[in-house]
Amino acid sequence: MGRGNIFKGVKSIDFYHRFNSEEPYYEYLSEIKWKDDYVCKKCENIHYCKGRLSYSRHCTRCKYDESPTARTMFDKCKFSIEQTFHIAFKISTKKKGMSSLELSEEYGLRQKTCWEFKWKIQQAMQSSKNTSIYRRSTYREFYVGEEEEGVVGQKAGKKKLIVVALEMQGVEFGKAYAQVIDDVSSKSFKPSFETYINKDTTVITNEWNGYKP
């Protein structure tokens, strides 16, 4: 399955209405997994029949049986498909996310188990970087870390320097990308510009010299 938020734009009431039993979870995964047609992972055959489990597919050539969860973040989970979906939905739709401790308390699972599954979700949600920012973008740099005595201005100390590109869509914001950089020189800024910003985009920055060509 490709990277991204599979629950993007889904409201809570719609989620709970659709996923009211075990079968819809597998149906939903199969729709996403094989939306571009079936290809056997073992022999690349494109013909299949009904598999052993609900919505799994059985290769007619090598007889490999693949479930909707195989090779996805839901694969080989030690808890129910219902719990995995609910955790994934909560993490991907809550603005502030949920800590592994909060997930552990809400779903009755070990904190380590929740932490491991949360990490899998975050990996799956990483940007593919295939979509650049168009139109207008604001570009800002800032430091992340605790304040250090005697460290001021553009001196990092032990802090991490982050640069953020934020797409501007009128009064709202669109895509956003962030990256750790070494310093505030134009040499350090350039790779992130080339990766995230379309060449025809109008970029708004402060007057720091590092943004100049």
N, C-alpha and C. Protein backbone atom coordinates (compact mmCIF):
# COMPACT_ATOMS: atom_id res chain seq x y z
N MET A 1 0.84 -1.19 0.00
CA MET A 1 0.00 0.00 0.00
C MET A 1 0.87 1.24 0.00
N GLY A 2 0.46 2.26 -0.70
CA GLY A 2 1.25 3.48 -0.79
C GLY A 2 1.24 4.26 0.50
N ARG A 3 2.15 5.20 0.61
CA ARG A 3 2.21 6.04 1.80
C ARG A 3 1.08 7.05 1.78
N GLY A 4 0.74 7.55 2.95
CA GLY A 4 -0.29 8.57 3.03
C GLY A 4 -1.33 8.23 4.08
N ASN A 5 -2.26 9.14 4.31
CA ASN A 5 -3.30 8.98 5.31
C ASN A 5 -4.52 8.34 4.66
N ILE A 6 -4.78 7.06 4.94
CA ILE A 6 -5.90 6.37 4.30
C ILE A 6 -7.24 6.83 4.84
N PHE A 7 -7.23 7.57 5.97
CA PHE A 7 -8.48 8.06 6.54
C PHE A 7 -8.68 9.56 6.31
N LYS A 8 -7.91 10.14 5.39
CA LYS A 8 -8.00 11.57 5.12
C LYS A 8 -9.42 11.94 4.69
N GLY A 9 -10.01 12.92 5.37
CA GLY A 9 -11.34 13.41 5.01
C GLY A 9 -12.48 12.58 5.56
N VAL A 10 -12.17 11.51 6.31
CA VAL A 10 -13.21 10.65 6.88
C VAL A 10 -13.63 11.18 8.24
N LYS A 11 -14.92 11.42 8.43
CA LYS A 11 -15.44 11.91 9.70
C LYS A 11 -15.69 10.74 10.65
N SER A 12 -15.64 11.03 11.95
CA SER A 12 -15.81 9.98 12.96
C SER A 12 -17.11 9.22 12.79
N ILE A 13 -18.20 9.95 12.55
CA ILE A 13 -19.51 9.30 12.43
C ILE A 13 -19.55 8.36 11.23
N ASP A 14 -18.88 8.73 10.14
CA ASP A 14 -18.82 7.87 8.95
C ASP A 14 -17.96 6.64 9.22
N PHE A 15 -16.87 6.83 9.95
CA PHE A 15 -15.98 5.73 10.28
C PHE A 15 -16.71 4.67 11.10
N TYR A 16 -17.36 5.10 12.18
CA TYR A 16 -18.05 4.15 13.06
C TYR A 16 -19.26 3.51 12.38
N HIS A 17 -19.87 4.23 11.45
CA HIS A 17 -21.02 3.68 10.73
C HIS A 17 -20.58 2.59 9.76
N ARG A 18 -19.48 2.80 9.07
CA ARG A 18 -19.02 1.81 8.09
C ARG A 18 -18.40 0.59 8.75
N PHE A 19 -17.55 0.82 9.74
CA PHE A 19 -16.82 -0.29 10.35
C PHE A 19 -17.54 -0.77 11.61
N ASN A 20 -18.67 -1.43 11.41
CA ASN A 20 -19.49 -1.89 12.53
C ASN A 20 -19.39 -3.39 12.76
N SER A 21 -18.52 -4.06 12.01
CA SER A 21 -18.26 -5.49 12.20
C SER A 21 -16.87 -5.78 11.63
N GLU A 22 -16.42 -7.02 11.73
CA GLU A 22 -15.05 -7.35 11.30
C GLU A 22 -14.87 -7.31 9.79
N GLU A 23 -15.86 -7.76 9.04
CA GLU A 23 -15.73 -7.89 7.59
C GLU A 23 -15.42 -6.59 6.85
N PRO A 24 -16.05 -5.45 7.21
CA PRO A 24 -15.76 -4.20 6.48
C PRO A 24 -14.30 -3.77 6.53
N TYR A 25 -13.56 -4.16 7.58
CA TYR A 25 -12.15 -3.80 7.66
C TYR A 25 -11.36 -4.45 6.52
N TYR A 26 -11.60 -5.74 6.32
CA TYR A 26 -10.90 -6.47 5.27
C TYR A 26 -11.36 -6.01 3.88
N GLU A 27 -12.64 -5.70 3.76
CA GLU A 27 -13.16 -5.20 2.49
C GLU A 27 -12.49 -3.88 2.12
N TYR A 28 -12.37 -2.99 3.10
CA TYR A 28 -11.77 -1.68 2.87
C TYR A 28 -10.30 -1.80 2.46
N LEU A 29 -9.56 -2.67 3.17
CA LEU A 29 -8.15 -2.87 2.85
C LEU A 29 -7.97 -3.46 1.45
N SER A 30 -8.83 -4.41 1.08
CA SER A 30 -8.72 -5.02 -0.24
C SER A 30 -9.00 -4.02 -1.35
N GLU A 31 -9.93 -3.09 -1.10
CA GLU A 31 -10.25 -2.06 -2.09
C GLU A 31 -9.05 -1.16 -2.35
N ILE A 32 -8.32 -0.82 -1.29
CA ILE A 32 -7.15 0.04 -1.43
C ILE A 32 -5.96 -0.72 -2.01
N LYS A 33 -5.74 -1.91 -1.46
CA LYS A 33 -4.56 -2.70 -1.84
C LYS A 33 -4.57 -3.09 -3.31
N TRP A 34 -5.74 -3.48 -3.82
CA TRP A 34 -5.80 -3.98 -5.19
C TRP A 34 -6.59 -3.06 -6.12
N LYS A 35 -6.60 -1.78 -5.81
CA LYS A 35 -7.35 -0.83 -6.64
C LYS A 35 -6.76 -0.73 -8.05
N ASP A 36 -5.46 -1.01 -8.18
CA ASP A 36 -4.81 -0.97 -9.50
C ASP A 36 -4.67 -2.36 -10.11
N ASP A 37 -5.55 -3.27 -9.71
CA ASP A 37 -5.57 -4.65 -10.20
C ASP A 37 -4.59 -5.55 -9.43
N TYR A 38 -4.89 -6.81 -9.44
CA TYR A 38 -4.14 -7.81 -8.68
C TYR A 38 -2.90 -8.29 -9.45
N VAL A 39 -1.79 -8.39 -8.71
CA VAL A 39 -0.56 -8.99 -9.24
C VAL A 39 0.03 -9.83 -8.12
N CYS A 40 0.22 -11.12 -8.36
CA CYS A 40 0.74 -12.01 -7.33
C CYS A 40 2.15 -11.58 -6.91
N LYS A 41 2.39 -11.49 -5.60
CA LYS A 41 3.69 -11.06 -5.09
C LYS A 41 4.76 -12.13 -5.27
N LYS A 42 4.34 -13.37 -5.51
CA LYS A 42 5.30 -14.47 -5.67
C LYS A 42 5.72 -14.70 -7.12
N CYS A 43 4.73 -14.73 -8.03
CA CYS A 43 5.05 -15.09 -9.42
C CYS A 43 4.57 -14.06 -10.45
N GLU A 44 3.96 -12.96 -9.98
CA GLU A 44 3.49 -11.86 -10.83
C GLU A 44 2.34 -12.25 -11.76
N ASN A 45 1.67 -13.32 -11.43
CA ASN A 45 0.47 -13.71 -12.18
C ASN A 45 -0.65 -12.71 -11.89
N ILE A 46 -1.50 -12.45 -12.87
CA ILE A 46 -2.58 -11.46 -12.68
C ILE A 46 -3.95 -12.11 -12.50
N HIS A 47 -3.98 -13.44 -12.44
CA HIS A 47 -5.26 -14.14 -12.30
C HIS A 47 -5.37 -14.74 -10.90
N TYR A 48 -6.55 -14.65 -10.33
CA TYR A 48 -6.74 -15.13 -8.96
C TYR A 48 -8.17 -15.64 -8.78
N CYS A 49 -8.37 -16.34 -7.67
CA CYS A 49 -9.70 -16.76 -7.27
C CYS A 49 -9.86 -16.43 -5.78
N LYS A 50 -10.99 -16.73 -5.23
CA LYS A 50 -11.26 -16.40 -3.84
C LYS A 50 -10.29 -17.12 -2.92
N GLY A 51 -9.74 -16.38 -1.94
CA GLY A 51 -8.77 -16.96 -1.02
C GLY A 51 -9.40 -17.64 0.18
N ARG A 52 -8.54 -18.08 1.08
CA ARG A 52 -8.98 -18.82 2.25
C ARG A 52 -9.74 -17.95 3.24
N LEU A 53 -9.30 -16.71 3.42
CA LEU A 53 -9.93 -15.79 4.36
C LEU A 53 -10.78 -14.76 3.62
N SER A 54 -11.57 -14.00 4.36
CA SER A 54 -12.42 -12.98 3.76
C SER A 54 -11.60 -11.97 2.97
N TYR A 55 -11.94 -11.78 1.71
CA TYR A 55 -11.33 -10.80 0.82
C TYR A 55 -9.86 -11.08 0.50
N SER A 56 -9.36 -12.27 0.84
CA SER A 56 -8.00 -12.63 0.42
C SER A 56 -8.06 -13.15 -1.02
N ARG A 57 -6.91 -13.17 -1.69
CA ARG A 57 -6.88 -13.59 -3.10
C ARG A 57 -5.87 -14.73 -3.28
N HIS A 58 -6.30 -15.73 -4.04
CA HIS A 58 -5.53 -16.96 -4.23
C HIS A 58 -5.02 -17.02 -5.66
N CYS A 59 -3.70 -17.02 -5.82
CA CYS A 59 -3.09 -17.05 -7.15
C CYS A 59 -3.42 -18.37 -7.86
N THR A 60 -3.88 -18.29 -9.09
CA THR A 60 -4.25 -19.49 -9.85
C THR A 60 -3.04 -20.24 -10.39
N ARG A 61 -1.85 -19.61 -10.34
CA ARG A 61 -0.65 -20.26 -10.87
C ARG A 61 0.17 -20.91 -9.75
N CYS A 62 0.66 -20.11 -8.82
CA CYS A 62 1.54 -20.64 -7.77
C CYS A 62 0.80 -21.00 -6.48
N LYS A 63 -0.50 -20.70 -6.44
CA LYS A 63 -1.38 -21.03 -5.31
C LYS A 63 -1.09 -20.20 -4.05
N TYR A 64 -0.33 -19.11 -4.21
CA TYR A 64 -0.06 -18.25 -3.05
C TYR A 64 -1.34 -17.54 -2.64
N ASP A 65 -1.63 -17.61 -1.35
CA ASP A 65 -2.84 -17.00 -0.80
C ASP A 65 -2.45 -15.74 -0.03
N GLU A 66 -2.92 -14.60 -0.48
CA GLU A 66 -2.54 -13.32 0.15
C GLU A 66 -3.76 -12.63 0.75
N SER A 67 -3.64 -12.26 2.01
CA SER A 67 -4.73 -11.58 2.70
C SER A 67 -4.63 -10.07 2.47
N PRO A 68 -5.70 -9.33 2.72
CA PRO A 68 -5.66 -7.87 2.55
C PRO A 68 -4.65 -7.19 3.47
N THR A 69 -4.34 -7.82 4.62
CA THR A 69 -3.42 -7.19 5.57
C THR A 69 -1.95 -7.48 5.26
N ALA A 70 -1.68 -8.50 4.44
CA ALA A 70 -0.29 -8.88 4.14
C ALA A 70 0.49 -7.74 3.51
N ARG A 71 1.71 -7.51 4.01
CA ARG A 71 2.61 -6.47 3.50
C ARG A 71 2.05 -5.06 3.70
N THR A 72 1.23 -4.89 4.72
CA THR A 72 0.72 -3.56 5.09
C THR A 72 1.07 -3.32 6.56
N MET A 73 0.75 -2.15 7.07
CA MET A 73 1.04 -1.86 8.47
C MET A 73 0.15 -2.68 9.41
N PHE A 74 -0.88 -3.33 8.87
CA PHE A 74 -1.77 -4.16 9.67
C PHE A 74 -1.31 -5.61 9.71
N ASP A 75 -0.23 -5.92 9.04
CA ASP A 75 0.26 -7.30 8.93
C ASP A 75 0.85 -7.79 10.25
N LYS A 76 0.50 -9.01 10.64
CA LYS A 76 1.07 -9.70 11.81
C LYS A 76 0.91 -8.93 13.11
N CYS A 77 -0.15 -8.16 13.22
CA CYS A 77 -0.42 -7.46 14.48
C CYS A 77 -0.89 -8.46 15.54
N LYS A 78 -0.53 -8.20 16.79
CA LYS A 78 -0.85 -9.13 17.88
C LYS A 78 -2.19 -8.81 18.54
N PHE A 79 -2.94 -7.92 17.94
CA PHE A 79 -4.27 -7.61 18.48
C PHE A 79 -5.26 -7.52 17.33
N SER A 80 -6.52 -7.33 17.64
CA SER A 80 -7.58 -7.47 16.64
C SER A 80 -7.53 -6.41 15.55
N ILE A 81 -8.07 -6.76 14.38
CA ILE A 81 -8.15 -5.82 13.26
C ILE A 81 -8.98 -4.60 13.65
N GLU A 82 -9.97 -4.81 14.50
CA GLU A 82 -10.81 -3.70 14.96
C GLU A 82 -9.98 -2.69 15.74
N GLN A 83 -9.13 -3.18 16.65
CA GLN A 83 -8.28 -2.29 17.44
C GLN A 83 -7.27 -1.57 16.56
N THR A 84 -6.68 -2.27 15.60
CA THR A 84 -5.68 -1.63 14.74
C THR A 84 -6.30 -0.48 13.94
N PHE A 85 -7.50 -0.69 13.42
CA PHE A 85 -8.16 0.35 12.64
C PHE A 85 -8.52 1.55 13.51
N HIS A 86 -9.02 1.29 14.70
CA HIS A 86 -9.42 2.39 15.58
C HIS A 86 -8.21 3.21 16.02
N ILE A 87 -7.10 2.54 16.30
CA ILE A 87 -5.88 3.25 16.68
C ILE A 87 -5.36 4.07 15.51
N ALA A 88 -5.34 3.47 14.32
CA ALA A 88 -4.87 4.18 13.13
C ALA A 88 -5.74 5.39 12.84
N PHE A 89 -7.04 5.24 13.02
CA PHE A 89 -7.96 6.36 12.78
C PHE A 89 -7.72 7.49 13.77
N LYS A 90 -7.57 7.14 15.04
CA LYS A 90 -7.34 8.16 16.07
C LYS A 90 -6.05 8.93 15.81
N ILE A 91 -4.98 8.22 15.51
CA ILE A 91 -3.68 8.86 15.31
C ILE A 91 -3.67 9.75 14.07
N SER A 92 -4.31 9.29 13.01
CA SER A 92 -4.25 10.02 11.74
C SER A 92 -5.25 11.17 11.64
N THR A 93 -6.22 11.23 12.55
CA THR A 93 -7.23 12.29 12.45
C THR A 93 -7.18 13.29 13.60
N LYS A 94 -6.60 12.92 14.73
CA LYS A 94 -6.49 13.87 15.85
C LYS A 94 -5.33 14.82 15.60
N LYS A 95 -5.58 16.11 15.74
CA LYS A 95 -4.56 17.11 15.44
C LYS A 95 -3.30 16.93 16.28
N LYS A 96 -3.47 16.59 17.55
CA LYS A 96 -2.32 16.45 18.44
C LYS A 96 -1.89 14.99 18.59
N GLY A 97 -2.56 14.10 17.85
CA GLY A 97 -2.19 12.69 17.93
C GLY A 97 -2.51 12.10 19.30
N MET A 98 -1.97 10.93 19.58
CA MET A 98 -2.14 10.27 20.88
C MET A 98 -0.84 9.59 21.26
N SER A 99 -0.48 9.68 22.53
CA SER A 99 0.74 9.03 23.01
C SER A 99 0.49 7.53 23.15
N SER A 100 1.56 6.76 23.20
CA SER A 100 1.42 5.31 23.36
C SER A 100 0.77 4.98 24.70
N LEU A 101 0.99 5.82 25.71
CA LEU A 101 0.37 5.60 27.02
C LEU A 101 -1.13 5.81 26.94
N GLU A 102 -1.57 6.85 26.25
CA GLU A 102 -3.00 7.11 26.07
C GLU A 102 -3.66 5.98 25.30
N LEU A 103 -2.99 5.50 24.26
CA LEU A 103 -3.52 4.39 23.47
C LEU A 103 -3.63 3.12 24.31
N SER A 104 -2.62 2.90 25.15
CA SER A 104 -2.60 1.73 26.01
C SER A 104 -3.78 1.73 26.98
N GLU A 105 -4.05 2.89 27.56
CA GLU A 105 -5.15 3.01 28.52
C GLU A 105 -6.51 2.88 27.85
N GLU A 106 -6.65 3.45 26.65
CA GLU A 106 -7.95 3.44 25.96
C GLU A 106 -8.29 2.08 25.37
N TYR A 107 -7.28 1.34 24.87
CA TYR A 107 -7.57 0.09 24.18
C TYR A 107 -7.15 -1.16 24.95
N GLY A 108 -6.65 -0.97 26.18
CA GLY A 108 -6.31 -2.11 27.01
C GLY A 108 -5.16 -2.94 26.49
N LEU A 109 -4.18 -2.29 25.88
CA LEU A 109 -3.02 -2.99 25.33
C LEU A 109 -1.75 -2.54 26.06
N ARG A 110 -0.68 -3.32 25.93
CA ARG A 110 0.59 -2.93 26.53
C ARG A 110 1.11 -1.67 25.84
N GLN A 111 1.76 -0.80 26.62
CA GLN A 111 2.27 0.45 26.05
C GLN A 111 3.30 0.17 24.96
N LYS A 112 4.15 -0.84 25.14
CA LYS A 112 5.17 -1.18 24.14
C LYS A 112 4.50 -1.60 22.82
N THR A 113 3.41 -2.37 22.93
CA THR A 113 2.67 -2.81 21.74
C THR A 113 2.11 -1.60 21.00
N CYS A 114 1.55 -0.66 21.76
CA CYS A 114 0.98 0.56 21.15
C CYS A 114 2.07 1.41 20.52
N TRP A 115 3.21 1.51 21.19
CA TRP A 115 4.32 2.30 20.66
C TRP A 115 4.80 1.71 19.33
N GLU A 116 4.94 0.39 19.26
CA GLU A 116 5.41 -0.26 18.03
C GLU A 116 4.43 -0.07 16.88
N PHE A 117 3.13 -0.19 17.17
CA PHE A 117 2.14 -0.03 16.10
C PHE A 117 2.04 1.44 15.68
N LYS A 118 2.17 2.34 16.64
CA LYS A 118 2.14 3.77 16.31
C LYS A 118 3.30 4.12 15.39
N TRP A 119 4.45 3.52 15.63
CA TRP A 119 5.63 3.76 14.78
C TRP A 119 5.35 3.28 13.36
N LYS A 120 4.70 2.12 13.22
CA LYS A 120 4.35 1.59 11.90
C LYS A 120 3.41 2.55 11.17
N ILE A 121 2.46 3.11 11.91
CA ILE A 121 1.52 4.06 11.32
C ILE A 121 2.25 5.31 10.83
N GLN A 122 3.16 5.83 11.65
CA GLN A 122 3.90 7.03 11.28
C GLN A 122 4.77 6.79 10.05
N GLN A 123 5.35 5.59 9.95
CA GLN A 123 6.14 5.26 8.76
C GLN A 123 5.26 5.21 7.52
N ALA A 124 4.06 4.66 7.67
CA ALA A 124 3.14 4.56 6.53
C ALA A 124 2.63 5.92 6.09
N MET A 125 2.57 6.87 7.03
CA MET A 125 2.03 8.20 6.72
C MET A 125 3.09 9.17 6.21
N GLN A 126 4.34 8.74 6.15
CA GLN A 126 5.39 9.62 5.65
C GLN A 126 5.10 10.04 4.22
N SER A 127 5.49 11.26 3.91
CA SER A 127 5.28 11.77 2.56
C SER A 127 6.13 11.03 1.54
N SER A 128 5.57 10.80 0.36
CA SER A 128 6.33 10.21 -0.74
C SER A 128 7.20 11.25 -1.44
N LYS A 129 6.97 12.53 -1.13
CA LYS A 129 7.69 13.66 -1.72
C LYS A 129 7.43 13.79 -3.22
N ASN A 130 6.35 13.16 -3.68
CA ASN A 130 6.04 13.23 -5.11
C ASN A 130 5.26 14.48 -5.48
N THR A 131 4.73 15.18 -4.49
CA THR A 131 3.90 16.35 -4.75
C THR A 131 4.58 17.61 -4.25
N SER A 132 4.98 18.48 -5.15
CA SER A 132 5.64 19.73 -4.77
C SER A 132 4.60 20.78 -4.41
N ILE A 133 5.08 21.84 -3.76
CA ILE A 133 4.22 22.96 -3.41
C ILE A 133 4.13 23.90 -4.61
N TYR A 134 2.90 24.27 -4.97
CA TYR A 134 2.67 25.18 -6.10
C TYR A 134 2.14 26.52 -5.57
N ARG A 135 1.93 27.44 -6.50
CA ARG A 135 1.35 28.76 -6.22
C ARG A 135 2.23 29.58 -5.28
N ARG A 136 1.83 29.69 -4.00
CA ARG A 136 2.58 30.52 -3.06
C ARG A 136 2.99 29.68 -1.86
N SER A 137 4.16 29.98 -1.34
CA SER A 137 4.65 29.24 -0.19
C SER A 137 5.40 30.17 0.74
N THR A 138 5.25 29.95 2.03
CA THR A 138 6.06 30.68 3.00
C THR A 138 7.13 29.73 3.52
N TYR A 139 8.31 30.25 3.72
CA TYR A 139 9.46 29.43 4.09
C TYR A 139 10.09 30.01 5.34
N ARG A 140 10.21 29.21 6.40
CA ARG A 140 10.72 29.71 7.66
C ARG A 140 11.68 28.70 8.29
N GLU A 141 12.63 29.23 9.05
CA GLU A 141 13.55 28.37 9.77
C GLU A 141 13.42 28.66 11.27
N PHE A 142 13.65 27.65 12.10
CA PHE A 142 13.60 27.85 13.54
C PHE A 142 14.37 26.73 14.23
N TYR A 143 14.71 26.96 15.49
CA TYR A 143 15.44 25.97 16.27
C TYR A 143 14.49 25.22 17.20
N VAL A 144 14.78 23.95 17.41
CA VAL A 144 14.00 23.12 18.32
C VAL A 144 14.93 22.58 19.39
N GLY A 145 14.55 22.78 20.65
CA GLY A 145 15.37 22.31 21.76
C GLY A 145 15.27 23.24 22.94
N GLU A 146 15.87 22.86 24.04
CA GLU A 146 15.82 23.67 25.25
C GLU A 146 16.73 24.88 25.14
N GLU A 147 16.35 25.93 25.86
CA GLU A 147 17.18 27.14 25.88
C GLU A 147 18.51 26.85 26.58
N GLU A 148 19.58 27.43 26.04
CA GLU A 148 20.91 27.23 26.61
C GLU A 148 21.51 28.58 26.99
N GLU A 149 22.10 28.62 28.13
CA GLU A 149 22.70 29.87 28.62
C GLU A 149 23.84 30.30 27.71
N GLY A 150 23.80 31.56 27.27
CA GLY A 150 24.85 32.10 26.43
C GLY A 150 24.67 31.84 24.95
N VAL A 151 23.61 31.11 24.56
CA VAL A 151 23.36 30.82 23.15
C VAL A 151 22.20 31.67 22.67
N VAL A 152 22.47 32.63 21.76
CA VAL A 152 21.43 33.54 21.29
C VAL A 152 21.48 33.66 19.77
N GLY A 153 20.43 34.28 19.21
CA GLY A 153 20.41 34.58 17.78
C GLY A 153 20.45 33.33 16.93
N GLN A 154 21.26 33.38 15.85
CA GLN A 154 21.34 32.27 14.91
C GLN A 154 22.37 31.21 15.31
N LYS A 155 22.69 31.14 16.60
CA LYS A 155 23.60 30.11 17.09
C LYS A 155 22.77 28.94 17.61
N ALA A 156 23.08 27.75 17.14
CA ALA A 156 22.24 26.60 17.45
C ALA A 156 22.57 25.95 18.80
N GLY A 157 23.84 25.90 19.18
CA GLY A 157 24.19 25.16 20.38
C GLY A 157 23.86 23.70 20.17
N LYS A 158 23.08 23.12 21.09
CA LYS A 158 22.67 21.72 20.97
C LYS A 158 21.30 21.58 20.30
N LYS A 159 20.72 22.68 19.90
CA LYS A 159 19.39 22.65 19.28
C LYS A 159 19.46 22.15 17.84
N LYS A 160 18.32 21.68 17.34
CA LYS A 160 18.20 21.26 15.95
C LYS A 160 17.60 22.39 15.13
N LEU A 161 18.17 22.63 13.95
CA LEU A 161 17.67 23.67 13.06
C LEU A 161 16.69 23.05 12.07
N ILE A 162 15.48 23.56 12.04
CA ILE A 162 14.42 23.03 11.18
C ILE A 162 14.00 24.10 10.17
N VAL A 163 13.79 23.69 8.93
CA VAL A 163 13.25 24.60 7.92
C VAL A 163 11.89 24.04 7.50
N VAL A 164 10.90 24.92 7.36
CA VAL A 164 9.54 24.51 7.04
C VAL A 164 9.05 25.24 5.80
N ALA A 165 8.49 24.49 4.85
CA ALA A 165 7.85 25.07 3.67
C ALA A 165 6.35 24.83 3.80
N LEU A 166 5.57 25.90 3.76
CA LEU A 166 4.12 25.81 3.98
C LEU A 166 3.38 26.42 2.80
N GLU A 167 2.54 25.63 2.16
CA GLU A 167 1.78 26.09 1.00
C GLU A 167 0.65 27.00 1.45
N MET A 168 0.50 28.14 0.77
CA MET A 168 -0.54 29.11 1.11
C MET A 168 -1.66 29.05 0.08
N GLN A 169 -2.89 28.82 0.55
CA GLN A 169 -4.06 28.74 -0.32
C GLN A 169 -5.08 29.78 0.12
N GLY A 170 -4.84 31.01 -0.26
CA GLY A 170 -5.70 32.10 0.20
C GLY A 170 -5.49 32.33 1.68
N VAL A 171 -6.56 32.22 2.48
CA VAL A 171 -6.45 32.40 3.93
C VAL A 171 -6.17 31.06 4.62
N GLU A 172 -6.09 29.99 3.86
CA GLU A 172 -5.84 28.67 4.43
C GLU A 172 -4.47 28.15 4.00
N PHE A 173 -4.07 27.04 4.62
CA PHE A 173 -2.79 26.43 4.29
C PHE A 173 -3.01 25.05 3.68
N GLY A 174 -2.09 24.67 2.79
CA GLY A 174 -2.18 23.36 2.15
C GLY A 174 -1.11 22.43 2.66
N LYS A 175 -0.27 21.93 1.74
CA LYS A 175 0.78 20.98 2.12
C LYS A 175 1.86 21.68 2.95
N ALA A 176 2.54 20.89 3.76
CA ALA A 176 3.64 21.41 4.57
C ALA A 176 4.76 20.38 4.63
N TYR A 177 5.99 20.85 4.51
CA TYR A 177 7.15 19.96 4.59
C TYR A 177 8.15 20.56 5.58
N ALA A 178 8.80 19.69 6.36
CA ALA A 178 9.81 20.14 7.31
C ALA A 178 11.05 19.27 7.17
N GLN A 179 12.21 19.88 7.41
CA GLN A 179 13.46 19.14 7.25
C GLN A 179 14.52 19.71 8.18
N VAL A 180 15.33 18.84 8.77
CA VAL A 180 16.46 19.28 9.59
C VAL A 180 17.61 19.67 8.67
N ILE A 181 18.21 20.84 8.92
CA ILE A 181 19.35 21.29 8.11
C ILE A 181 20.53 21.62 9.02
N ASP A 182 21.71 21.73 8.44
CA ASP A 182 22.93 21.92 9.23
C ASP A 182 23.11 23.36 9.70
N ASP A 183 22.80 24.31 8.82
CA ASP A 183 23.00 25.72 9.17
C ASP A 183 22.06 26.58 8.33
N VAL A 184 22.16 27.90 8.49
CA VAL A 184 21.25 28.81 7.79
C VAL A 184 21.90 29.41 6.54
N SER A 185 22.72 28.64 5.88
CA SER A 185 23.36 29.11 4.64
C SER A 185 22.50 28.73 3.44
N SER A 186 22.70 29.42 2.33
CA SER A 186 21.95 29.11 1.11
C SER A 186 22.26 27.69 0.63
N LYS A 187 23.46 27.20 0.91
CA LYS A 187 23.84 25.84 0.53
C LYS A 187 22.96 24.81 1.24
N SER A 188 22.63 25.07 2.51
CA SER A 188 21.79 24.15 3.27
C SER A 188 20.32 24.26 2.89
N PHE A 189 19.88 25.48 2.53
CA PHE A 189 18.48 25.69 2.15
C PHE A 189 18.16 25.08 0.78
N LYS A 190 19.13 25.11 -0.13
CA LYS A 190 18.88 24.74 -1.53
C LYS A 190 18.26 23.35 -1.73
N PRO A 191 18.78 22.28 -1.08
CA PRO A 191 18.20 20.94 -1.30
C PRO A 191 16.72 20.86 -0.95
N SER A 192 16.31 21.51 0.13
CA SER A 192 14.89 21.46 0.51
C SER A 192 14.04 22.25 -0.46
N PHE A 193 14.57 23.35 -0.99
CA PHE A 193 13.86 24.12 -2.02
C PHE A 193 13.62 23.24 -3.25
N GLU A 194 14.67 22.55 -3.68
CA GLU A 194 14.58 21.74 -4.89
C GLU A 194 13.66 20.53 -4.70
N THR A 195 13.58 20.02 -3.47
CA THR A 195 12.76 18.84 -3.18
C THR A 195 11.29 19.17 -3.05
N TYR A 196 10.97 20.28 -2.37
CA TYR A 196 9.58 20.54 -1.99
C TYR A 196 8.89 21.66 -2.77
N ILE A 197 9.65 22.54 -3.41
CA ILE A 197 9.07 23.72 -4.03
C ILE A 197 9.13 23.64 -5.55
N ASN A 198 7.99 23.82 -6.21
CA ASN A 198 7.96 23.87 -7.66
C ASN A 198 8.66 25.14 -8.14
N LYS A 199 9.34 25.07 -9.27
CA LYS A 199 10.14 26.20 -9.75
C LYS A 199 9.31 27.44 -10.07
N ASP A 200 8.00 27.27 -10.30
CA ASP A 200 7.14 28.41 -10.62
C ASP A 200 6.43 28.99 -9.39
N THR A 201 6.76 28.47 -8.22
CA THR A 201 6.10 28.91 -6.99
C THR A 201 6.67 30.25 -6.50
N THR A 202 5.80 31.12 -6.01
CA THR A 202 6.23 32.36 -5.37
C THR A 202 6.52 32.05 -3.91
N VAL A 203 7.76 32.27 -3.47
CA VAL A 203 8.17 31.92 -2.12
C VAL A 203 8.35 33.18 -1.28
N ILE A 204 7.70 33.20 -0.12
CA ILE A 204 7.79 34.34 0.80
C ILE A 204 8.69 33.95 1.97
N THR A 205 9.75 34.72 2.19
CA THR A 205 10.68 34.44 3.29
C THR A 205 10.94 35.72 4.07
N ASN A 206 11.74 35.60 5.13
CA ASN A 206 12.20 36.81 5.81
C ASN A 206 13.42 37.34 5.06
N GLU A 207 14.12 38.28 5.61
CA GLU A 207 15.23 38.92 4.89
C GLU A 207 16.59 38.29 5.19
N TRP A 208 16.58 37.10 5.76
CA TRP A 208 17.84 36.44 6.07
C TRP A 208 18.63 36.17 4.79
N ASN A 209 19.93 36.45 4.82
CA ASN A 209 20.78 36.33 3.63
C ASN A 209 20.85 34.91 3.07
N GLY A 210 20.65 33.92 3.93
CA GLY A 210 20.74 32.53 3.48
C GLY A 210 19.71 32.16 2.44
N TYR A 211 18.61 32.93 2.35
CA TYR A 211 17.58 32.64 1.36
C TYR A 211 17.92 33.21 -0.02
N LYS A 212 18.92 34.06 -0.07
CA LYS A 212 19.28 34.66 -1.35
C LYS A 212 20.08 33.67 -2.19
N PRO A 213 19.90 33.69 -3.53
CA PRO A 213 20.62 32.76 -4.42
C PRO A 213 22.13 32.87 -4.27
